[in-house]
Amino acid sequence: SFGALVRRVLRRGEGEPAGEPEPVAIPYDDADRL
């Protein structure tokens, strides 16, 4: 569910592509990027 929120902010264009949403790599192992 956090990945879905991140996709809303990072996605390009107006809509999600059809089909399965693309996974988002959450940088939880990199404190600065997180």
PDB file of all heavy atoms in Angstrom:
ATOM      1  N   SER A   1       0.829  -1.205   0.000  1.00  0.00           N
ATOM      2  CA  SER A   1       0.000   0.000   0.000  1.00  0.00           C
ATOM      3  C   SER A   1       0.868   1.262   0.000  1.00  0.00           C
ATOM      4  O   SER A   1       0.504   2.261  -0.623  1.00  0.00           O
ATOM      5  CB  SER A   1      -0.978  -0.006   1.182  1.00  0.00           C
ATOM      6  OG  SER A   1      -0.294  -0.015   2.411  1.00  0.00           O
ATOM      7  N   PHE A   2       2.027   1.207   0.653  1.00  0.00           N
ATOM      8  CA  PHE A   2       2.941   2.345   0.599  1.00  0.00           C
ATOM      9  C   PHE A   2       3.466   2.521  -0.822  1.00  0.00           C
ATOM     10  O   PHE A   2       3.557   3.641  -1.327  1.00  0.00           O
ATOM     11  CB  PHE A   2       4.099   2.165   1.581  1.00  0.00           C
ATOM     12  CG  PHE A   2       5.026   3.340   1.609  1.00  0.00           C
ATOM     13  CD1 PHE A   2       4.616   4.546   2.145  1.00  0.00           C
ATOM     14  CD2 PHE A   2       6.301   3.237   1.090  1.00  0.00           C
ATOM     15  CE1 PHE A   2       5.470   5.639   2.174  1.00  0.00           C
ATOM     16  CE2 PHE A   2       7.159   4.323   1.106  1.00  0.00           C
ATOM     17  CZ  PHE A   2       6.742   5.533   1.651  1.00  0.00           C
ATOM     18  N   GLY A   3       3.795   1.419  -1.485  1.00  0.00           N
ATOM     19  CA  GLY A   3       4.253   1.479  -2.874  1.00  0.00           C
ATOM     20  C   GLY A   3       3.219   2.126  -3.778  1.00  0.00           C
ATOM     21  O   GLY A   3       3.552   2.884  -4.691  1.00  0.00           O
ATOM     22  N   ALA A   4       1.929   1.857  -3.530  1.00  0.00           N
ATOM     23  CA  ALA A   4       0.873   2.482  -4.332  1.00  0.00           C
ATOM     24  C   ALA A   4       0.865   3.994  -4.123  1.00  0.00           C
ATOM     25  O   ALA A   4       0.691   4.760  -5.073  1.00  0.00           O
ATOM     26  CB  ALA A   4      -0.489   1.887  -3.967  1.00  0.00           C
ATOM     27  N   LEU A   5       1.097   4.429  -2.890  1.00  0.00           N
ATOM     28  CA  LEU A   5       1.171   5.873  -2.633  1.00  0.00           C
ATOM     29  C   LEU A   5       2.373   6.488  -3.341  1.00  0.00           C
ATOM     30  O   LEU A   5       2.275   7.567  -3.929  1.00  0.00           O
ATOM     31  CB  LEU A   5       1.267   6.138  -1.131  1.00  0.00           C
ATOM     32  CG  LEU A   5       0.017   5.860  -0.314  1.00  0.00           C
ATOM     33  CD1 LEU A   5       0.319   5.945   1.174  1.00  0.00           C
ATOM     34  CD2 LEU A   5      -1.093   6.816  -0.694  1.00  0.00           C
ATOM     35  N   VAL A   6       3.509   5.800  -3.292  1.00  0.00           N
ATOM     36  CA  VAL A   6       4.718   6.309  -3.941  1.00  0.00           C
ATOM     37  C   VAL A   6       4.501   6.397  -5.447  1.00  0.00           C
ATOM     38  O   VAL A   6       4.873   7.394  -6.074  1.00  0.00           O
ATOM     39  CB  VAL A   6       5.933   5.418  -3.605  1.00  0.00           C
ATOM     40  CG1 VAL A   6       7.147   5.811  -4.431  1.00  0.00           C
ATOM     41  CG2 VAL A   6       6.258   5.504  -2.116  1.00  0.00           C
ATOM     42  N   ARG A   7       3.861   5.383  -6.041  1.00  0.00           N
ATOM     43  CA  ARG A   7       3.587   5.413  -7.489  1.00  0.00           C
ATOM     44  C   ARG A   7       2.748   6.621  -7.866  1.00  0.00           C
ATOM     45  O   ARG A   7       2.947   7.212  -8.919  1.00  0.00           O
ATOM     46  CB  ARG A   7       2.881   4.134  -7.935  1.00  0.00           C
ATOM     47  CG  ARG A   7       3.805   2.980  -8.183  1.00  0.00           C
ATOM     48  CD  ARG A   7       3.104   1.829  -8.900  1.00  0.00           C
ATOM     49  NE  ARG A   7       1.939   1.323  -8.194  1.00  0.00           N
ATOM     50  CZ  ARG A   7       1.976   0.479  -7.163  1.00  0.00           C
ATOM     51  NH1 ARG A   7       3.131   0.049  -6.703  1.00  0.00           N
ATOM     52  NH2 ARG A   7       0.868   0.064  -6.589  1.00  0.00           N
ATOM     53  N   ARG A   8       1.803   6.989  -7.004  1.00  0.00           N
ATOM     54  CA  ARG A   8       0.966   8.159  -7.303  1.00  0.00           C
ATOM     55  C   ARG A   8       1.804   9.420  -7.444  1.00  0.00           C
ATOM     56  O   ARG A   8       1.471  10.308  -8.218  1.00  0.00           O
ATOM     57  CB  ARG A   8      -0.066   8.365  -6.201  1.00  0.00           C
ATOM     58  CG  ARG A   8      -1.208   7.392  -6.294  1.00  0.00           C
ATOM     59  CD  ARG A   8      -2.144   7.480  -5.133  1.00  0.00           C
ATOM     60  NE  ARG A   8      -2.727   8.798  -4.914  1.00  0.00           N
ATOM     61  CZ  ARG A   8      -3.493   9.077  -3.860  1.00  0.00           C
ATOM     62  NH1 ARG A   8      -3.754   8.142  -2.967  1.00  0.00           N
ATOM     63  NH2 ARG A   8      -3.987  10.289  -3.718  1.00  0.00           N
ATOM     64  N   VAL A   9       2.885   9.499  -6.694  1.00  0.00           N
ATOM     65  CA  VAL A   9       3.736  10.691  -6.740  1.00  0.00           C
ATOM     66  C   VAL A   9       4.768  10.591  -7.849  1.00  0.00           C
ATOM     67  O   VAL A   9       5.055  11.570  -8.529  1.00  0.00           O
ATOM     68  CB  VAL A   9       4.425  10.903  -5.370  1.00  0.00           C
ATOM     69  CG1 VAL A   9       5.451  12.011  -5.431  1.00  0.00           C
ATOM     70  CG2 VAL A   9       3.378  11.195  -4.306  1.00  0.00           C
ATOM     71  N   LEU A  10       5.324   9.415  -8.071  1.00  0.00           N
ATOM     72  CA  LEU A  10       6.437   9.256  -9.005  1.00  0.00           C
ATOM     73  C   LEU A  10       6.023   8.916 -10.431  1.00  0.00           C
ATOM     74  O   LEU A  10       6.853   8.991 -11.334  1.00  0.00           O
ATOM     75  CB  LEU A  10       7.393   8.169  -8.509  1.00  0.00           C
ATOM     76  CG  LEU A  10       8.046   8.413  -7.159  1.00  0.00           C
ATOM     77  CD1 LEU A  10       8.974   7.257  -6.816  1.00  0.00           C
ATOM     78  CD2 LEU A  10       8.795   9.732  -7.134  1.00  0.00           C
ATOM     79  N   ARG A  11       4.767   8.516 -10.645  1.00  0.00           N
ATOM     80  CA  ARG A  11       4.373   8.070 -11.983  1.00  0.00           C
ATOM     81  C   ARG A  11       4.497   9.188 -13.011  1.00  0.00           C
ATOM     82  O   ARG A  11       4.372  10.368 -12.703  1.00  0.00           O
ATOM     83  CB  ARG A  11       2.955   7.513 -11.960  1.00  0.00           C
ATOM     84  CG  ARG A  11       1.915   8.566 -11.742  1.00  0.00           C
ATOM     85  CD  ARG A  11       0.537   7.959 -11.717  1.00  0.00           C
ATOM     86  NE  ARG A  11      -0.420   9.003 -11.398  1.00  0.00           N
ATOM     87  CZ  ARG A  11      -1.531   8.805 -10.748  1.00  0.00           C
ATOM     88  NH1 ARG A  11      -1.849   7.604 -10.359  1.00  0.00           N
ATOM     89  NH2 ARG A  11      -2.337   9.799 -10.499  1.00  0.00           N
ATOM     90  N   ARG A  12       4.704   8.784 -14.223  1.00  0.00           N
ATOM     91  CA  ARG A  12       4.797   9.725 -15.346  1.00  0.00           C
ATOM     92  C   ARG A  12       3.446   9.738 -16.053  1.00  0.00           C
ATOM     93  O   ARG A  12       2.786   8.715 -16.175  1.00  0.00           O
ATOM     94  CB  ARG A  12       5.874   9.274 -16.338  1.00  0.00           C
ATOM     95  CG  ARG A  12       7.218   9.031 -15.716  1.00  0.00           C
ATOM     96  CD  ARG A  12       8.004  10.335 -15.653  1.00  0.00           C
ATOM     97  NE  ARG A  12       9.385  10.100 -15.290  1.00  0.00           N
ATOM     98  CZ  ARG A  12       9.863  10.237 -14.061  1.00  0.00           C
ATOM     99  NH1 ARG A  12       9.081  10.550 -13.074  1.00  0.00           N
ATOM    100  NH2 ARG A  12      11.137  10.048 -13.808  1.00  0.00           N
ATOM    101  N   GLY A  13       3.029  10.863 -16.543  1.00  0.00           N
ATOM    102  CA  GLY A  13       1.772  10.936 -17.279  1.00  0.00           C
ATOM    103  C   GLY A  13       0.590  11.000 -16.342  1.00  0.00           C
ATOM    104  O   GLY A  13       0.727  11.099 -15.134  1.00  0.00           O
ATOM    105  N   GLU A  14      -0.581  10.917 -16.900  1.00  0.00           N
ATOM    106  CA  GLU A  14      -1.798  11.115 -16.138  1.00  0.00           C
ATOM    107  C   GLU A  14      -2.359   9.856 -15.504  1.00  0.00           C
ATOM    108  O   GLU A  14      -3.027   9.922 -14.508  1.00  0.00           O
ATOM    109  CB  GLU A  14      -2.880  11.736 -17.033  1.00  0.00           C
ATOM    110  CG  GLU A  14      -2.650  13.192 -17.288  1.00  0.00           C
ATOM    111  CD  GLU A  14      -2.599  14.015 -16.003  1.00  0.00           C
ATOM    112  OE1 GLU A  14      -3.536  13.933 -15.186  1.00  0.00           O
ATOM    113  OE2 GLU A  14      -1.605  14.720 -15.820  1.00  0.00           O
ATOM    114  N   GLY A  15      -2.114   8.692 -16.083  1.00  0.00           N
ATOM    115  CA  GLY A  15      -2.761   7.507 -15.537  1.00  0.00           C
ATOM    116  C   GLY A  15      -1.805   6.353 -15.355  1.00  0.00           C
ATOM    117  O   GLY A  15      -0.726   6.319 -15.906  1.00  0.00           O
ATOM    118  N   GLU A  16      -2.259   5.416 -14.551  1.00  0.00           N
ATOM    119  CA  GLU A  16      -1.510   4.174 -14.383  1.00  0.00           C
ATOM    120  C   GLU A  16      -1.646   3.366 -15.665  1.00  0.00           C
ATOM    121  O   GLU A  16      -2.697   3.362 -16.286  1.00  0.00           O
ATOM    122  CB  GLU A  16      -2.095   3.359 -13.227  1.00  0.00           C
ATOM    123  CG  GLU A  16      -1.896   3.976 -11.870  1.00  0.00           C
ATOM    124  CD  GLU A  16      -0.517   3.716 -11.309  1.00  0.00           C
ATOM    125  OE1 GLU A  16       0.190   2.836 -11.832  1.00  0.00           O
ATOM    126  OE2 GLU A  16      -0.141   4.404 -10.369  1.00  0.00           O
ATOM    127  N   PRO A  17      -0.601   2.681 -16.090  1.00  0.00           N
ATOM    128  CA  PRO A  17      -0.743   1.822 -17.256  1.00  0.00           C
ATOM    129  C   PRO A  17      -1.711   0.676 -16.954  1.00  0.00           C
ATOM    130  O   PRO A  17      -1.896   0.312 -15.805  1.00  0.00           O
ATOM    131  CB  PRO A  17       0.675   1.296 -17.487  1.00  0.00           C
ATOM    132  CG  PRO A  17       1.433   1.588 -16.245  1.00  0.00           C
ATOM    133  CD  PRO A  17       0.714   2.667 -15.511  1.00  0.00           C
ATOM    134  N   ALA A  18      -2.312   0.156 -18.006  1.00  0.00           N
ATOM    135  CA  ALA A  18      -3.244  -0.956 -17.822  1.00  0.00           C
ATOM    136  C   ALA A  18      -2.495  -2.173 -17.305  1.00  0.00           C
ATOM    137  O   ALA A  18      -1.301  -2.326 -17.511  1.00  0.00           O
ATOM    138  CB  ALA A  18      -3.919  -1.275 -19.156  1.00  0.00           C
ATOM    139  N   GLY A  19      -3.202  -3.034 -16.604  1.00  0.00           N
ATOM    140  CA  GLY A  19      -2.595  -4.256 -16.091  1.00  0.00           C
ATOM    141  C   GLY A  19      -2.038  -4.057 -14.699  1.00  0.00           C
ATOM    142  O   GLY A  19      -2.399  -3.138 -13.982  1.00  0.00           O
ATOM    143  N   GLU A  20      -1.145  -4.962 -14.313  1.00  0.00           N
ATOM    144  CA  GLU A  20      -0.532  -4.924 -12.983  1.00  0.00           C
ATOM    145  C   GLU A  20       0.299  -3.660 -12.811  1.00  0.00           C
ATOM    146  O   GLU A  20       1.058  -3.300 -13.700  1.00  0.00           O
ATOM    147  CB  GLU A  20       0.398  -6.129 -12.793  1.00  0.00           C
ATOM    148  CG  GLU A  20      -0.234  -7.368 -12.241  1.00  0.00           C
ATOM    149  CD  GLU A  20      -0.980  -7.173 -10.939  1.00  0.00           C
ATOM    150  OE1 GLU A  20      -0.372  -6.806  -9.916  1.00  0.00           O
ATOM    151  OE2 GLU A  20      -2.188  -7.399 -10.943  1.00  0.00           O
ATOM    152  N   PRO A  21       0.199  -2.996 -11.658  1.00  0.00           N
ATOM    153  CA  PRO A  21       1.034  -1.820 -11.438  1.00  0.00           C
ATOM    154  C   PRO A  21       2.503  -2.229 -11.305  1.00  0.00           C
ATOM    155  O   PRO A  21       2.822  -3.297 -10.805  1.00  0.00           O
ATOM    156  CB  PRO A  21       0.508  -1.250 -10.123  1.00  0.00           C
ATOM    157  CG  PRO A  21      -0.226  -2.353  -9.465  1.00  0.00           C
ATOM    158  CD  PRO A  21      -0.689  -3.281 -10.548  1.00  0.00           C
ATOM    159  N   GLU A  22       3.356  -1.368 -11.794  1.00  0.00           N
ATOM    160  CA  GLU A  22       4.785  -1.621 -11.728  1.00  0.00           C
ATOM    161  C   GLU A  22       5.255  -1.534 -10.281  1.00  0.00           C
ATOM    162  O   GLU A  22       4.857  -0.635  -9.543  1.00  0.00           O
ATOM    163  CB  GLU A  22       5.495  -0.541 -12.547  1.00  0.00           C
ATOM    164  CG  GLU A  22       6.756  -1.027 -13.189  1.00  0.00           C
ATOM    165  CD  GLU A  22       7.305   0.034 -14.117  1.00  0.00           C
ATOM    166  OE1 GLU A  22       6.645   0.329 -15.123  1.00  0.00           O
ATOM    167  OE2 GLU A  22       8.382   0.549 -13.798  1.00  0.00           O
ATOM    168  N   PRO A  23       6.086  -2.469  -9.809  1.00  0.00           N
ATOM    169  CA  PRO A  23       6.556  -2.402  -8.425  1.00  0.00           C
ATOM    170  C   PRO A  23       7.443  -1.176  -8.221  1.00  0.00           C
ATOM    171  O   PRO A  23       8.080  -0.699  -9.143  1.00  0.00           O
ATOM    172  CB  PRO A  23       7.345  -3.696  -8.233  1.00  0.00           C
ATOM    173  CG  PRO A  23       7.570  -4.246  -9.583  1.00  0.00           C
ATOM    174  CD  PRO A  23       6.605  -3.610 -10.531  1.00  0.00           C
ATOM    175  N   VAL A  24       7.433  -0.684  -7.004  1.00  0.00           N
ATOM    176  CA  VAL A  24       8.259   0.461  -6.651  1.00  0.00           C
ATOM    177  C   VAL A  24       9.325  -0.024  -5.689  1.00  0.00           C
ATOM    178  O   VAL A  24       9.019  -0.682  -4.695  1.00  0.00           O
ATOM    179  CB  VAL A  24       7.410   1.561  -5.974  1.00  0.00           C
ATOM    180  CG1 VAL A  24       8.286   2.683  -5.470  1.00  0.00           C
ATOM    181  CG2 VAL A  24       6.374   2.089  -6.942  1.00  0.00           C
ATOM    182  N   ALA A  25      10.587   0.287  -5.994  1.00  0.00           N
ATOM    183  CA  ALA A  25      11.681  -0.086  -5.099  1.00  0.00           C
ATOM    184  C   ALA A  25      11.769   0.958  -3.989  1.00  0.00           C
ATOM    185  O   ALA A  25      12.162   2.095  -4.226  1.00  0.00           O
ATOM    186  CB  ALA A  25      12.994  -0.168  -5.866  1.00  0.00           C
ATOM    187  N   ILE A  26      11.359   0.587  -2.793  1.00  0.00           N
ATOM    188  CA  ILE A  26      11.422   1.499  -1.658  1.00  0.00           C
ATOM    189  C   ILE A  26      12.818   1.389  -1.070  1.00  0.00           C
ATOM    190  O   ILE A  26      13.251   0.302  -0.680  1.00  0.00           O
ATOM    191  CB  ILE A  26      10.355   1.130  -0.611  1.00  0.00           C
ATOM    192  CG1 ILE A  26       8.967   1.246  -1.233  1.00  0.00           C
ATOM    193  CG2 ILE A  26      10.477   2.030   0.615  1.00  0.00           C
ATOM    194  CD1 ILE A  26       7.878   0.647  -0.401  1.00  0.00           C
ATOM    195  N   PRO A  27      13.549   2.505  -0.990  1.00  0.00           N
ATOM    196  CA  PRO A  27      14.950   2.454  -0.553  1.00  0.00           C
ATOM    197  C   PRO A  27      15.102   2.379   0.961  1.00  0.00           C
ATOM    198  O   PRO A  27      15.803   3.177   1.573  1.00  0.00           O
ATOM    199  CB  PRO A  27      15.513   3.765  -1.110  1.00  0.00           C
ATOM    200  CG  PRO A  27      14.357   4.701  -1.066  1.00  0.00           C
ATOM    201  CD  PRO A  27      13.151   3.845  -1.385  1.00  0.00           C
ATOM    202  N   TYR A  28      14.426   1.405   1.607  1.00  0.00           N
ATOM    203  CA  TYR A  28      14.486   1.327   3.059  1.00  0.00           C
ATOM    204  C   TYR A  28      15.868   0.962   3.577  1.00  0.00           C
ATOM    205  O   TYR A  28      16.151   1.137   4.746  1.00  0.00           O
ATOM    206  CB  TYR A  28      13.424   0.377   3.612  1.00  0.00           C
ATOM    207  CG  TYR A  28      13.562  -1.051   3.149  1.00  0.00           C
ATOM    208  CD1 TYR A  28      14.376  -1.936   3.820  1.00  0.00           C
ATOM    209  CD2 TYR A  28      12.853  -1.501   2.044  1.00  0.00           C
ATOM    210  CE1 TYR A  28      14.496  -3.248   3.407  1.00  0.00           C
ATOM    211  CE2 TYR A  28      12.965  -2.806   1.621  1.00  0.00           C
ATOM    212  CZ  TYR A  28      13.793  -3.670   2.307  1.00  0.00           C
ATOM    213  OH  TYR A  28      13.916  -4.965   1.887  1.00  0.00           O
ATOM    214  N   ASP A  29      16.742   0.461   2.701  1.00  0.00           N
ATOM    215  CA  ASP A  29      18.106   0.124   3.125  1.00  0.00           C
ATOM    216  C   ASP A  29      19.087   1.266   2.873  1.00  0.00           C
ATOM    217  O   ASP A  29      20.273   1.132   3.105  1.00  0.00           O
ATOM    218  CB  ASP A  29      18.581  -1.151   2.423  1.00  0.00           C
ATOM    219  CG  ASP A  29      18.523  -1.023   0.914  1.00  0.00           C
ATOM    220  OD1 ASP A  29      17.860  -0.097   0.408  1.00  0.00           O
ATOM    221  OD2 ASP A  29      19.138  -1.864   0.232  1.00  0.00           O
ATOM    222  N   ASP A  30      18.597   2.408   2.422  1.00  0.00           N
ATOM    223  CA  ASP A  30      19.428   3.589   2.161  1.00  0.00           C
ATOM    224  C   ASP A  30      18.763   4.771   2.867  1.00  0.00           C
ATOM    225  O   ASP A  30      17.810   5.362   2.361  1.00  0.00           O
ATOM    226  CB  ASP A  30      19.518   3.829   0.650  1.00  0.00           C
ATOM    227  CG  ASP A  30      20.412   4.993   0.277  1.00  0.00           C
ATOM    228  OD1 ASP A  30      20.573   5.931   1.090  1.00  0.00           O
ATOM    229  OD2 ASP A  30      20.946   4.972  -0.848  1.00  0.00           O
ATOM    230  N   ALA A  31      19.278   5.121   4.036  1.00  0.00           N
ATOM    231  CA  ALA A  31      18.639   6.135   4.881  1.00  0.00           C
ATOM    232  C   ALA A  31      18.495   7.474   4.172  1.00  0.00           C
ATOM    233  O   ALA A  31      17.458   8.140   4.305  1.00  0.00           O
ATOM    234  CB  ALA A  31      19.428   6.301   6.181  1.00  0.00           C
ATOM    235  N   ASP A  32      19.498   7.893   3.420  1.00  0.00           N
ATOM    236  CA  ASP A  32      19.424   9.190   2.735  1.00  0.00           C
ATOM    237  C   ASP A  32      18.343   9.200   1.669  1.00  0.00           C
ATOM    238  O   ASP A  32      17.556  10.143   1.579  1.00  0.00           O
ATOM    239  CB  ASP A  32      20.775   9.553   2.109  1.00  0.00           C
ATOM    240  CG  ASP A  32      21.837   9.852   3.151  1.00  0.00           C
ATOM    241  OD1 ASP A  32      21.471  10.264   4.280  1.00  0.00           O
ATOM    242  OD2 ASP A  32      23.030   9.680   2.844  1.00  0.00           O
ATOM    243  N   ARG A  33      18.291   8.141   0.852  1.00  0.00           N
ATOM    244  CA  ARG A  33      17.274   8.087  -0.208  1.00  0.00           C
ATOM    245  C   ARG A  33      15.877   7.948   0.375  1.00  0.00           C
ATOM    246  O   ARG A  33      14.920   8.533  -0.129  1.00  0.00           O
ATOM    247  CB  ARG A  33      17.577   6.943  -1.167  1.00  0.00           C
ATOM    248  CG  ARG A  33      18.769   7.255  -2.065  1.00  0.00           C
ATOM    249  CD  ARG A  33      19.063   6.168  -3.083  1.00  0.00           C
ATOM    250  NE  ARG A  33      17.911   5.873  -3.903  1.00  0.00           N
ATOM    251  CZ  ARG A  33      17.495   4.636  -4.196  1.00  0.00           C
ATOM    252  NH1 ARG A  33      18.160   3.589  -3.746  1.00  0.00           N
ATOM    253  NH2 ARG A  33      16.451   4.433  -4.955  1.00  0.00           N
ATOM    254  N   LEU A  34      15.742   7.187   1.460  1.00  0.00           N
ATOM    255  CA  LEU A  34      14.433   7.039   2.092  1.00  0.00           C
ATOM    256  C   LEU A  34      13.975   8.378   2.661  1.00  0.00           C
ATOM    257  O   LEU A  34      12.812   8.752   2.529  1.00  0.00           O
ATOM    258  CB  LEU A  34      14.474   5.975   3.187  1.00  0.00           C
ATOM    259  CG  LEU A  34      13.153   5.709   3.904  1.00  0.00           C
ATOM    260  CD1 LEU A  34      12.044   5.342   2.928  1.00  0.00           C
ATOM    261  CD2 LEU A  34      13.337   4.619   4.945  1.00  0.00           C
TER     262      LEU A  34
END
